[in-house]
PDB file of N, CA and C in Angstrom:
ATOM      1  N   UNK A   1      16.894 -10.644 -10.233  1.00  0.00           N
ATOM      2  CA  UNK A   1      16.430 -10.292  -8.810  1.00  0.00           C
ATOM      3  C   UNK A   1      16.233  -8.750  -8.772  1.00  0.00           C
ATOM      4  N   UNK A   2      15.141  -8.391  -8.227  1.00  0.00           N
ATOM      5  CA  UNK A   2      14.788  -6.957  -8.242  1.00  0.00           C
ATOM      6  C   UNK A   2      15.333  -6.368  -6.854  1.00  0.00           C
ATOM      7  N   UNK A   3      15.236  -5.044  -6.805  1.00  0.00           N
ATOM      8  CA  UNK A   3      15.713  -4.283  -5.622  1.00  0.00           C
ATOM      9  C   UNK A   3      14.689  -4.663  -4.508  1.00  0.00           C
ATOM     10  N   UNK A   4      13.447  -4.882  -4.763  1.00  0.00           N
ATOM     11  CA  UNK A   4      12.548  -5.117  -3.717  1.00  0.00           C
ATOM     12  C   UNK A   4      12.882  -6.491  -3.033  1.00  0.00           C
ATOM     13  N   UNK A   5      13.258  -7.517  -3.811  1.00  0.00           N
ATOM     14  CA  UNK A   5      13.616  -8.804  -3.134  1.00  0.00           C
ATOM     15  C   UNK A   5      14.966  -8.576  -2.318  1.00  0.00           C
ATOM     16  N   UNK A   6      15.819  -7.885  -2.812  1.00  0.00           N
ATOM     17  CA  UNK A   6      17.097  -7.624  -1.992  1.00  0.00           C
ATOM     18  C   UNK A   6      16.762  -6.809  -0.704  1.00  0.00           C
ATOM     19  N   UNK A   7      15.989  -5.773  -0.844  1.00  0.00           N
ATOM     20  CA  UNK A   7      15.545  -5.049   0.254  1.00  0.00           C
ATOM     21  C   UNK A   7      14.845  -5.855   1.419  1.00  0.00           C
ATOM     22  N   UNK A   8      13.952  -6.700   0.913  1.00  0.00           N
ATOM     23  CA  UNK A   8      13.154  -7.645   1.836  1.00  0.00           C
ATOM     24  C   UNK A   8      14.168  -8.544   2.563  1.00  0.00           C
ATOM     25  N   UNK A   9      15.043  -9.105   1.661  1.00  0.00           N
ATOM     26  CA  UNK A   9      16.120 -10.087   2.268  1.00  0.00           C
ATOM     27  C   UNK A   9      16.979  -9.426   3.334  1.00  0.00           C
ATOM     28  N   UNK A  10      17.215  -8.105   3.212  1.00  0.00           N
ATOM     29  CA  UNK A  10      18.035  -7.475   4.225  1.00  0.00           C
ATOM     30  C   UNK A  10      17.231  -7.021   5.325  1.00  0.00           C
ATOM     31  N   UNK A  11      15.957  -6.513   5.101  1.00  0.00           N
ATOM     32  CA  UNK A  11      15.067  -5.958   6.203  1.00  0.00           C
ATOM     33  C   UNK A  11      14.575  -7.022   7.176  1.00  0.00           C
ATOM     34  N   UNK A  12      14.173  -8.227   6.645  1.00  0.00           N
ATOM     35  CA  UNK A  12      13.501  -9.143   7.491  1.00  0.00           C
ATOM     36  C   UNK A  12      14.450  -9.693   8.558  1.00  0.00           C
ATOM     37  N   UNK A  13      15.661 -10.145   8.232  1.00  0.00           N
ATOM     38  CA  UNK A  13      16.532 -10.559   9.281  1.00  0.00           C
ATOM     39  C   UNK A  13      16.939  -9.516  10.328  1.00  0.00           C
ATOM     40  N   UNK A  14      17.171  -8.301   9.692  1.00  0.00           N
ATOM     41  CA  UNK A  14      17.471  -7.226  10.591  1.00  0.00           C
ATOM     42  C   UNK A  14      16.392  -6.808  11.558  1.00  0.00           C
ATOM     43  N   UNK A  15      15.184  -6.837  11.014  1.00  0.00           N
ATOM     44  CA  UNK A  15      13.985  -6.486  11.886  1.00  0.00           C
ATOM     45  C   UNK A  15      13.851  -7.613  12.909  1.00  0.00           C
ATOM     46  N   UNK A  16      14.043  -8.792  12.625  1.00  0.00           N
ATOM     47  CA  UNK A  16      13.943  -9.939  13.543  1.00  0.00           C
ATOM     48  C   UNK A  16      14.925  -9.788  14.659  1.00  0.00           C
ATOM     49  N   UNK A  17      16.239  -9.504  14.292  1.00  0.00           N
ATOM     50  CA  UNK A  17      17.247  -9.398  15.264  1.00  0.00           C
ATOM     51  C   UNK A  17      16.984  -8.155  16.180  1.00  0.00           C
ATOM     52  N   UNK A  18      16.693  -7.084  15.595  1.00  0.00           N
ATOM     53  CA  UNK A  18      16.415  -5.887  16.417  1.00  0.00           C
ATOM     54  C   UNK A  18      15.248  -5.991  17.328  1.00  0.00           C
ATOM     55  N   UNK A  19      14.129  -6.634  16.921  1.00  0.00           N
ATOM     56  CA  UNK A  19      13.012  -6.757  17.753  1.00  0.00           C
ATOM     57  C   UNK A  19      13.214  -7.776  18.854  1.00  0.00           C
ATOM     58  N   UNK A  20      14.028  -8.916  18.497  1.00  0.00           N
ATOM     59  CA  UNK A  20      14.345  -9.891  19.519  1.00  0.00           C
ATOM     60  C   UNK A  20      15.163  -9.303  20.540  1.00  0.00           C
ATOM     61  N   UNK A  21      16.184  -8.482  20.138  1.00  0.00           N
ATOM     62  CA  UNK A  21      16.976  -7.868  21.279  1.00  0.00           C
ATOM     63  C   UNK A  21      16.299  -6.895  22.019  1.00  0.00           C
ATOM     64  N   UNK A  22      15.383  -6.025  21.406  1.00  0.00           N
ATOM     65  CA  UNK A  22      14.587  -5.092  22.169  1.00  0.00           C
ATOM     66  C   UNK A  22      13.495  -5.782  23.163  1.00  0.00           C
ATOM     67  N   UNK A  23      12.934  -6.893  22.639  1.00  0.00           N
ATOM     68  CA  UNK A  23      11.945  -7.578  23.561  1.00  0.00           C
ATOM     69  C   UNK A  23      12.562  -8.399  24.594  1.00  0.00           C
ATOM     70  N   UNK A  24      13.886  -8.695  24.512  1.00  0.00           N
ATOM     71  CA  UNK A  24      14.476  -9.406  25.505  1.00  0.00           C
ATOM     72  C   UNK A  24      14.804  -8.556  26.758  1.00  0.00           C
ATOM     73  N   UNK A  25      14.682  -7.288  26.726  1.00  0.00           N
ATOM     74  CA  UNK A  25      14.846  -6.349  27.842  1.00  0.00           C
ATOM     75  C   UNK A  25      13.639  -6.249  28.764  1.00  0.00           C
ATOM     76  N   UNK A  26      12.524  -6.700  28.265  1.00  0.00           N
ATOM     77  CA  UNK A  26      11.319  -6.624  29.092  1.00  0.00           C
ATOM     78  C   UNK A  26      11.195  -7.708  30.160  1.00  0.00           C
ATOM     79  N   UNK A  27      10.475  -7.492  31.136  1.00  0.00           N
ATOM     80  CA  UNK A  27      10.363  -8.489  32.277  1.00  0.00           C
ATOM     81  C   UNK A  27       9.588  -9.736  31.779  1.00  0.00           C
ATOM     82  N   UNK A  28       8.579  -9.523  30.980  1.00  0.00           N
ATOM     83  CA  UNK A  28       7.866 -10.621  30.425  1.00  0.00           C
ATOM     84  C   UNK A  28       8.253 -10.784  28.964  1.00  0.00           C
ATOM     85  N   UNK A  29       9.258 -11.649  28.722  1.00  0.00           N
ATOM     86  CA  UNK A  29       9.839 -11.764  27.402  1.00  0.00           C
ATOM     87  C   UNK A  29       8.991 -12.552  26.503  1.00  0.00           C
ATOM     88  N   UNK A  30       8.790 -12.040  25.321  1.00  0.00           N
ATOM     89  CA  UNK A  30       7.925 -12.743  24.304  1.00  0.00           C
ATOM     90  C   UNK A  30       8.910 -13.172  23.149  1.00  0.00           C
ATOM     91  N   UNK A  31       8.820 -14.422  22.749  1.00  0.00           N
ATOM     92  CA  UNK A  31       9.622 -14.939  21.648  1.00  0.00           C
ATOM     93  C   UNK A  31       8.859 -14.571  20.380  1.00  0.00           C
ATOM     94  N   UNK A  32       9.685 -14.204  19.310  1.00  0.00           N
ATOM     95  CA  UNK A  32       9.147 -13.776  18.046  1.00  0.00           C
ATOM     96  C   UNK A  32       9.046 -15.143  17.190  1.00  0.00           C
ATOM     97  N   UNK A  33       7.997 -15.470  16.633  1.00  0.00           N
ATOM     98  CA  UNK A  33       7.873 -16.586  15.801  1.00  0.00           C
ATOM     99  C   UNK A  33       8.196 -16.214  14.281  1.00  0.00           C
ATOM    100  N   UNK A  34       8.668 -17.127  13.529  1.00  0.00           N
ATOM    101  CA  UNK A  34       9.038 -16.882  12.157  1.00  0.00           C
ATOM    102  C   UNK A  34       7.862 -16.541  11.324  1.00  0.00           C
ATOM    103  N   UNK A  35       6.692 -17.179  11.646  1.00  0.00           N
ATOM    104  CA  UNK A  35       5.463 -16.933  10.727  1.00  0.00           C
ATOM    105  C   UNK A  35       4.820 -15.522  11.052  1.00  0.00           C
ATOM    106  N   UNK A  36       5.319 -14.948  12.095  1.00  0.00           N
ATOM    107  CA  UNK A  36       4.730 -13.575  12.352  1.00  0.00           C
ATOM    108  C   UNK A  36       5.137 -12.500  11.331  1.00  0.00           C
ATOM    109  N   UNK A  37       6.254 -12.912  10.535  1.00  0.00           N
ATOM    110  CA  UNK A  37       6.720 -12.045   9.432  1.00  0.00           C
ATOM    111  C   UNK A  37       6.101 -12.550   8.171  1.00  0.00           C
ATOM    112  N   UNK A  38       5.611 -13.705   8.025  1.00  0.00           N
ATOM    113  CA  UNK A  38       5.066 -14.263   6.791  1.00  0.00           C
ATOM    114  C   UNK A  38       3.664 -13.816   6.596  1.00  0.00           C
ATOM    115  N   UNK A  39       2.906 -13.746   7.643  1.00  0.00           N
ATOM    116  CA  UNK A  39       1.543 -13.253   7.611  1.00  0.00           C
ATOM    117  C   UNK A  39       1.353 -11.874   6.997  1.00  0.00           C
ATOM    118  N   UNK A  40       2.112 -10.867   7.373  1.00  0.00           N
ATOM    119  CA  UNK A  40       1.993  -9.553   6.706  1.00  0.00           C
ATOM    120  C   UNK A  40       2.407  -9.580   5.280  1.00  0.00           C
ATOM    121  N   UNK A  41       3.524 -10.263   5.028  1.00  0.00           N
ATOM    122  CA  UNK A  41       4.046 -10.388   3.646  1.00  0.00           C
ATOM    123  C   UNK A  41       2.941 -10.951   2.738  1.00  0.00           C
ATOM    124  N   UNK A  42       2.228 -12.078   3.303  1.00  0.00           N
ATOM    125  CA  UNK A  42       1.161 -12.681   2.425  1.00  0.00           C
ATOM    126  C   UNK A  42       0.108 -11.730   2.233  1.00  0.00           C
ATOM    127  N   UNK A  43      -0.303 -10.965   3.347  1.00  0.00           N
ATOM    128  CA  UNK A  43      -1.462  -9.985   3.197  1.00  0.00           C
ATOM    129  C   UNK A  43      -1.045  -8.903   2.137  1.00  0.00           C
ATOM    130  N   UNK A  44       0.146  -8.462   2.170  1.00  0.00           N
ATOM    131  CA  UNK A  44       0.516  -7.354   1.275  1.00  0.00           C
ATOM    132  C   UNK A  44       0.515  -7.873  -0.119  1.00  0.00           C
ATOM    133  N   UNK A  45       1.022  -9.092  -0.305  1.00  0.00           N
ATOM    134  CA  UNK A  45       1.040  -9.796  -1.618  1.00  0.00           C
ATOM    135  C   UNK A  45      -0.380  -9.941  -2.294  1.00  0.00           C
ATOM    136  N   UNK A  46      -1.403 -10.268  -1.351  1.00  0.00           N
ATOM    137  CA  UNK A  46      -2.701 -10.382  -1.783  1.00  0.00           C
ATOM    138  C   UNK A  46      -3.280  -9.073  -2.154  1.00  0.00           C
ATOM    139  N   UNK A  47      -3.003  -7.959  -1.337  1.00  0.00           N
ATOM    140  CA  UNK A  47      -3.441  -6.648  -1.755  1.00  0.00           C
ATOM    141  C   UNK A  47      -2.846  -6.125  -3.028  1.00  0.00           C
ATOM    142  N   UNK A  48      -1.585  -6.436  -3.293  1.00  0.00           N
ATOM    143  CA  UNK A  48      -0.948  -6.053  -4.441  1.00  0.00           C
ATOM    144  C   UNK A  48      -1.614  -6.772  -5.637  1.00  0.00           C
ATOM    145  N   UNK A  49      -1.911  -8.101  -5.522  1.00  0.00           N
ATOM    146  CA  UNK A  49      -2.621  -8.800  -6.571  1.00  0.00           C
ATOM    147  C   UNK A  49      -3.993  -8.219  -6.898  1.00  0.00           C
ATOM    148  N   UNK A  50      -4.712  -7.881  -5.863  1.00  0.00           N
ATOM    149  CA  UNK A  50      -6.025  -7.368  -6.060  1.00  0.00           C
ATOM    150  C   UNK A  50      -5.989  -6.002  -6.742  1.00  0.00           C
ATOM    151  N   UNK A  51      -5.113  -5.146  -6.295  1.00  0.00           N
ATOM    152  CA  UNK A  51      -4.989  -3.821  -6.904  1.00  0.00           C
ATOM    153  C   UNK A  51      -4.585  -3.854  -8.305  1.00  0.00           C
ATOM    154  N   UNK A  52      -3.613  -4.714  -8.694  1.00  0.00           N
ATOM    155  CA  UNK A  52      -3.131  -4.833 -10.059  1.00  0.00           C
ATOM    156  C   UNK A  52      -4.286  -5.416 -10.958  1.00  0.00           C
ATOM    157  N   UNK A  53      -4.922  -6.421 -10.433  1.00  0.00           N
ATOM    158  CA  UNK A  53      -6.075  -7.026 -11.164  1.00  0.00           C
ATOM    159  C   UNK A  53      -7.214  -6.032 -11.391  1.00  0.00           C
ATOM    160  N   UNK A  54      -7.556  -5.214 -10.412  1.00  0.00           N
ATOM    161  CA  UNK A  54      -8.506  -4.194 -10.605  1.00  0.00           C
ATOM    162  C   UNK A  54      -8.087  -3.133 -11.699  1.00  0.00           C
ATOM    163  N   UNK A  55      -6.879  -2.687 -11.673  1.00  0.00           N
ATOM    164  CA  UNK A  55      -6.438  -1.750 -12.542  1.00  0.00           C
ATOM    165  C   UNK A  55      -6.358  -2.373 -14.018  1.00  0.00           C
ATOM    166  N   UNK A  56      -5.857  -3.644 -14.063  1.00  0.00           N
ATOM    167  CA  UNK A  56      -5.863  -4.273 -15.450  1.00  0.00           C
ATOM    168  C   UNK A  56      -7.256  -4.462 -15.942  1.00  0.00           C
ATOM    169  N   UNK A  57      -8.239  -4.858 -15.166  1.00  0.00           N
ATOM    170  CA  UNK A  57      -9.573  -5.028 -15.662  1.00  0.00           C
ATOM    171  C   UNK A  57     -10.125  -3.699 -16.139  1.00  0.00           C
ATOM    172  N   UNK A  58      -9.890  -2.520 -15.386  1.00  0.00           N
ATOM    173  CA  UNK A  58     -10.350  -1.314 -15.686  1.00  0.00           C
ATOM    174  C   UNK A  58      -9.763  -0.833 -17.089  1.00  0.00           C
ATOM    175  N   UNK A  59      -8.515  -1.039 -17.253  1.00  0.00           N
ATOM    176  CA  UNK A  59      -7.906  -0.736 -18.624  1.00  0.00           C
ATOM    177  C   UNK A  59      -8.375  -1.603 -19.688  1.00  0.00           C
ATOM    178  N   UNK A  60      -8.611  -2.877 -19.433  1.00  0.00           N
ATOM    179  CA  UNK A  60      -9.052  -3.799 -20.387  1.00  0.00           C
ATOM    180  C   UNK A  60     -10.513  -3.463 -20.893  1.00  0.00           C
ATOM    181  N   UNK A  61     -11.352  -2.943 -20.083  1.00  0.00           N
ATOM    182  CA  UNK A  61     -12.737  -2.509 -20.427  1.00  0.00           C
ATOM    183  C   UNK A  61     -12.763  -1.255 -21.203  1.00  0.00           C
ATOM    184  N   UNK A  62     -11.894  -0.422 -21.168  1.00  0.00           N
ATOM    185  CA  UNK A  62     -11.941   0.907 -21.870  1.00  0.00           C
ATOM    186  C   UNK A  62     -11.879   0.706 -23.364  1.00  0.00           C
ATOM    187  N   UNK A  63     -12.402   1.625 -24.039  1.00  0.00           N
ATOM    188  CA  UNK A  63     -12.359   1.617 -25.554  1.00  0.00           C
ATOM    189  C   UNK A  63     -11.062   2.334 -25.967  1.00  0.00           C
ATOM    190  N   UNK A  64     -10.204   1.807 -26.809  1.00  0.00           N
ATOM    191  CA  UNK A  64      -8.969   2.539 -27.135  1.00  0.00           C
ATOM    192  C   UNK A  64      -9.299   3.741 -28.009  1.00  0.00           C
ATOM    193  N   UNK A  65     -10.419   3.770 -28.774  1.00  0.00           N
ATOM    194  CA  UNK A  65     -10.823   4.919 -29.486  1.00  0.00           C
ATOM    195  C   UNK A  65     -11.023   6.084 -28.633  1.00  0.00           C
ATOM    196  N   UNK A  66     -11.567   5.884 -27.359  1.00  0.00           N
ATOM    197  CA  UNK A  66     -11.821   7.040 -26.466  1.00  0.00           C
ATOM    198  C   UNK A  66     -10.588   7.832 -26.104  1.00  0.00           C
ATOM    199  N   UNK A  67      -9.479   7.006 -25.890  1.00  0.00           N
ATOM    200  CA  UNK A  67      -8.268   7.674 -25.389  1.00  0.00           C
ATOM    201  C   UNK A  67      -7.588   8.300 -26.618  1.00  0.00           C
ATOM    202  N   UNK A  68      -7.772   7.805 -27.858  1.00  0.00           N
ATOM    203  CA  UNK A  68      -7.205   8.367 -28.994  1.00  0.00           C
ATOM    204  C   UNK A  68      -7.863   9.680 -29.394  1.00  0.00           C
ATOM    205  N   UNK A  69      -9.089   9.713 -29.122  1.00  0.00           N
ATOM    206  CA  UNK A  69     -10.051  10.934 -29.349  1.00  0.00           C
ATOM    207  C   UNK A  69      -9.530  12.173 -28.562  1.00  0.00           C
ATOM    208  N   UNK A  70      -8.994  11.840 -27.405  1.00  0.00           N
ATOM    209  CA  UNK A  70      -8.726  13.004 -26.493  1.00  0.00           C
ATOM    210  C   UNK A  70      -7.390  13.627 -26.898  1.00  0.00           C
ATOM    211  N   UNK A  71      -6.505  12.889 -27.645  1.00  0.00           N
ATOM    212  CA  UNK A  71      -5.143  13.430 -27.855  1.00  0.00           C
ATOM    213  C   UNK A  71      -5.171  14.203 -29.173  1.00  0.00           C
TER     214      UNK A  71
END
């Protein structure tokens, strides 16, 4: 288990509890749904996959001799 997973496991419930308590003080109370946390996590995961794939393809297309020639 990495530090990122532990941090997310601590931050998500804490954010939910703090936001729910903060929103309960308003006259027009809005309930927070569980999926409202999953959508940003899913979008971030997709962006991470796209950026890693882009960098991997860029490195895979380079000629190793070019980098050795510079050193």
